Amino acid sequence: MLFTAVHVTGESMLPVLRSGDWLLVRRGAGIRPGDVVVARRPHGLIVKRAFRHTDDGWWLESDNQSAPGRRDSWDFGAVPEADIVGRVVLRYWPRPSARFPAPPG
C-alpha cells in the first residue's frame, strides 16, 4: 500500500497538528529536514518533524517541546531509516490541509 492513514494523539505537534487530526502518509516517500513524518517506536507510531539526518537515522523532534508526555529524539536518539513509515502529505480531517508550516520559534 502506497498510502496509509494515521490518527494524531497528544499535543506534541501543536500548533500545526492537534489531537484528533487524521493524516494521509505516503510510505517510502523521500524525506527532507522540516517534513512531518510518521515513525515506528516500541511504544507505537509517532508523528514528528524530521530535523536532520545522522549516521544513525533521522533526528525527529516535537514542535511543542513542553507537551505533557512528549517523546522524541531527545529521549530515544535518532530513528533508524527502516523505522520511518513515511512522510505526511496531508491532513484530511477535520481541517483539510496539505501545508505544514515550519515549527514555531
C-alpha atoms as a PDB file:
ATOM      1  CA  MET A   1       0.000   0.000   0.000  1.00  0.00           C
ATOM      2  CA  LEU A   2       1.436   3.348  -1.061  1.00  0.00           C
ATOM      3  CA  PHE A   3      -0.591   5.445   1.420  1.00  0.00           C
ATOM      4  CA  THR A   4      -1.769   4.866   4.962  1.00  0.00           C
ATOM      5  CA  ALA A   5      -3.932   6.856   7.385  1.00  0.00           C
ATOM      6  CA  VAL A   6      -2.674   7.880  10.826  1.00  0.00           C
ATOM      7  CA  HIS A   7      -4.616   9.381  13.747  1.00  0.00           C
ATOM      8  CA  VAL A   8      -2.880  12.093  15.798  1.00  0.00           C
ATOM      9  CA  THR A   9      -2.977  11.770  19.585  1.00  0.00           C
ATOM     10  CA  GLY A  10      -1.448  14.144  22.090  1.00  0.00           C
ATOM     11  CA  GLU A  11      -0.240  17.733  21.934  1.00  0.00           C
ATOM     12  CA  SER A  12       3.398  17.289  20.859  1.00  0.00           C
ATOM     13  CA  MET A  13       2.848  18.755  17.368  1.00  0.00           C
ATOM     14  CA  LEU A  14       0.782  21.810  18.362  1.00  0.00           C
ATOM     15  CA  PRO A  15       0.033  24.237  16.823  1.00  0.00           C
ATOM     16  CA  VAL A  16       0.458  22.520  13.420  1.00  0.00           C
ATOM     17  CA  LEU A  17      -1.364  19.283  14.297  1.00  0.00           C
ATOM     18  CA  ARG A  18      -3.917  18.625  17.015  1.00  0.00           C
ATOM     19  CA  SER A  19      -5.098  15.515  18.775  1.00  0.00           C
ATOM     20  CA  GLY A  20      -7.919  14.068  16.674  1.00  0.00           C
ATOM     21  CA  ASP A  21      -6.461  15.042  13.292  1.00  0.00           C
ATOM     22  CA  TRP A  22      -6.293  12.337  10.606  1.00  0.00           C
ATOM     23  CA  LEU A  23      -3.299  12.315   8.277  1.00  0.00           C
ATOM     24  CA  LEU A  24      -2.529  10.709   4.945  1.00  0.00           C
ATOM     25  CA  VAL A  25       1.017   9.316   4.957  1.00  0.00           C
ATOM     26  CA  ARG A  26       2.951   8.340   1.850  1.00  0.00           C
ATOM     27  CA  ARG A  27       5.023   5.254   2.584  1.00  0.00           C
ATOM     28  CA  GLY A  28       8.600   5.328   1.379  1.00  0.00           C
ATOM     29  CA  ALA A  29       8.455   8.990   0.313  1.00  0.00           C
ATOM     30  CA  GLY A  30      11.691  10.937   0.330  1.00  0.00           C
ATOM     31  CA  ILE A  31      12.234  12.962   3.484  1.00  0.00           C
ATOM     32  CA  ARG A  32      13.884  16.333   3.901  1.00  0.00           C
ATOM     33  CA  PRO A  33      14.561  18.301   7.084  1.00  0.00           C
ATOM     34  CA  GLY A  34      11.366  20.118   8.056  1.00  0.00           C
ATOM     35  CA  ASP A  35       8.996  17.403   6.788  1.00  0.00           C
ATOM     36  CA  VAL A  36       6.374  15.946   9.138  1.00  0.00           C
ATOM     37  CA  VAL A  37       6.851  12.175   9.289  1.00  0.00           C
ATOM     38  CA  VAL A  38       5.461   9.062  10.967  1.00  0.00           C
ATOM     39  CA  ALA A  39       7.845   6.588  12.602  1.00  0.00           C
ATOM     40  CA  ARG A  40       7.601   3.284  14.450  1.00  0.00           C
ATOM     41  CA  ARG A  41       8.796   3.241  18.055  1.00  0.00           C
ATOM     42  CA  PRO A  42       8.476   0.440  20.628  1.00  0.00           C
ATOM     43  CA  HIS A  43       5.501   2.247  22.223  1.00  0.00           C
ATOM     44  CA  GLY A  44       3.692   2.749  18.859  1.00  0.00           C
ATOM     45  CA  LEU A  45       3.599   5.170  15.945  1.00  0.00           C
ATOM     46  CA  ILE A  46       4.740   8.755  16.425  1.00  0.00           C
ATOM     47  CA  VAL A  47       4.181  11.881  14.326  1.00  0.00           C
ATOM     48  CA  LYS A  48       7.187  14.222  14.435  1.00  0.00           C
ATOM     49  CA  ARG A  49       9.153  16.710  12.395  1.00  0.00           C
ATOM     50  CA  ALA A  50      12.318  15.457  10.664  1.00  0.00           C
ATOM     51  CA  PHE A  51      15.041  17.715  11.964  1.00  0.00           C
ATOM     52  CA  ARG A  52      18.231  16.285  10.480  1.00  0.00           C
ATOM     53  CA  HIS A  53      19.692  13.069   9.102  1.00  0.00           C
ATOM     54  CA  THR A  54      22.563  11.498  11.028  1.00  0.00           C
ATOM     55  CA  ASP A  55      24.664   8.363  10.543  1.00  0.00           C
ATOM     56  CA  ASP A  56      22.170   6.561  12.824  1.00  0.00           C
ATOM     57  CA  GLY A  57      19.000   7.730  11.056  1.00  0.00           C
ATOM     58  CA  TRP A  58      16.609  10.671  11.353  1.00  0.00           C
ATOM     59  CA  TRP A  59      16.591  13.025  14.326  1.00  0.00           C
ATOM     60  CA  LEU A  60      12.870  13.654  14.983  1.00  0.00           C
ATOM     61  CA  GLU A  61      11.517  16.431  17.176  1.00  0.00           C
ATOM     62  CA  SER A  62       8.180  17.590  18.523  1.00  0.00           C
ATOM     63  CA  ASP A  63       7.024  21.090  17.549  1.00  0.00           C
ATOM     64  CA  ASN A  64       5.693  21.549  21.098  1.00  0.00           C
ATOM     65  CA  GLN A  65       8.573  20.608  23.396  1.00  0.00           C
ATOM     66  CA  SER A  66       6.529  21.424  26.519  1.00  0.00           C
ATOM     67  CA  ALA A  67       3.715  18.962  25.711  1.00  0.00           C
ATOM     68  CA  PRO A  68       2.915  16.504  28.506  1.00  0.00           C
ATOM     69  CA  GLY A  69       4.176  13.019  27.651  1.00  0.00           C
ATOM     70  CA  ARG A  70       6.173  14.294  24.669  1.00  0.00           C
ATOM     71  CA  ARG A  71       8.683  11.728  23.352  1.00  0.00           C
ATOM     72  CA  ASP A  72      11.093  12.417  20.527  1.00  0.00           C
ATOM     73  CA  SER A  73      14.760  12.007  19.599  1.00  0.00           C
ATOM     74  CA  TRP A  74      15.781  13.970  22.697  1.00  0.00           C
ATOM     75  CA  ASP A  75      14.528  10.914  24.614  1.00  0.00           C
ATOM     76  CA  PHE A  76      15.484   7.976  22.350  1.00  0.00           C
ATOM     77  CA  GLY A  77      18.037   9.290  19.832  1.00  0.00           C
ATOM     78  CA  ALA A  78      17.926   9.099  16.058  1.00  0.00           C
ATOM     79  CA  VAL A  79      15.309   6.837  14.466  1.00  0.00           C
ATOM     80  CA  PRO A  80      16.720   4.284  12.003  1.00  0.00           C
ATOM     81  CA  GLU A  81      15.655   4.766   8.378  1.00  0.00           C
ATOM     82  CA  ALA A  82      13.878   1.373   8.473  1.00  0.00           C
ATOM     83  CA  ASP A  83      11.562   2.672  11.235  1.00  0.00           C
ATOM     84  CA  ILE A  84      10.352   5.688   9.239  1.00  0.00           C
ATOM     85  CA  VAL A  85       6.868   4.799   7.944  1.00  0.00           C
ATOM     86  CA  GLY A  86       6.608   7.771   5.599  1.00  0.00           C
ATOM     87  CA  ARG A  87       6.047  11.473   5.051  1.00  0.00           C
ATOM     88  CA  VAL A  88       2.748  13.177   5.915  1.00  0.00           C
ATOM     89  CA  VAL A  89       1.263  14.555   2.707  1.00  0.00           C
ATOM     90  CA  LEU A  90      -1.989  15.979   4.026  1.00  0.00           C
ATOM     91  CA  ARG A  91      -4.341  16.341   6.946  1.00  0.00           C
ATOM     92  CA  TYR A  92      -7.775  15.247   5.747  1.00  0.00           C
ATOM     93  CA  TRP A  93      -9.857  15.547   8.913  1.00  0.00           C
ATOM     94  CA  PRO A  94     -11.175  17.745  10.454  1.00  0.00           C
ATOM     95  CA  ARG A  95      -9.423  20.662   8.704  1.00  0.00           C
ATOM     96  CA  PRO A  96      -8.017  19.559   5.330  1.00  0.00           C
ATOM     97  CA  SER A  97      -4.546  20.933   4.647  1.00  0.00           C
ATOM     98  CA  ALA A  98      -1.540  19.952   2.577  1.00  0.00           C
ATOM     99  CA  ARG A  99       0.657  22.676   4.091  1.00  0.00           C
ATOM    100  CA  PHE A 100       2.625  22.127   7.255  1.00  0.00           C
ATOM    101  CA  PRO A 101       4.388  25.295   8.349  1.00  0.00           C
ATOM    102  CA  ALA A 102       7.792  25.237   9.992  1.00  0.00           C
ATOM    103  CA  PRO A 103       7.824  24.764  13.749  1.00  0.00           C
ATOM    104  CA  PRO A 104       7.360  27.865  15.883  1.00  0.00           C
ATOM    105  CA  GLY A 105      10.472  29.604  17.124  1.00  0.00           C
END
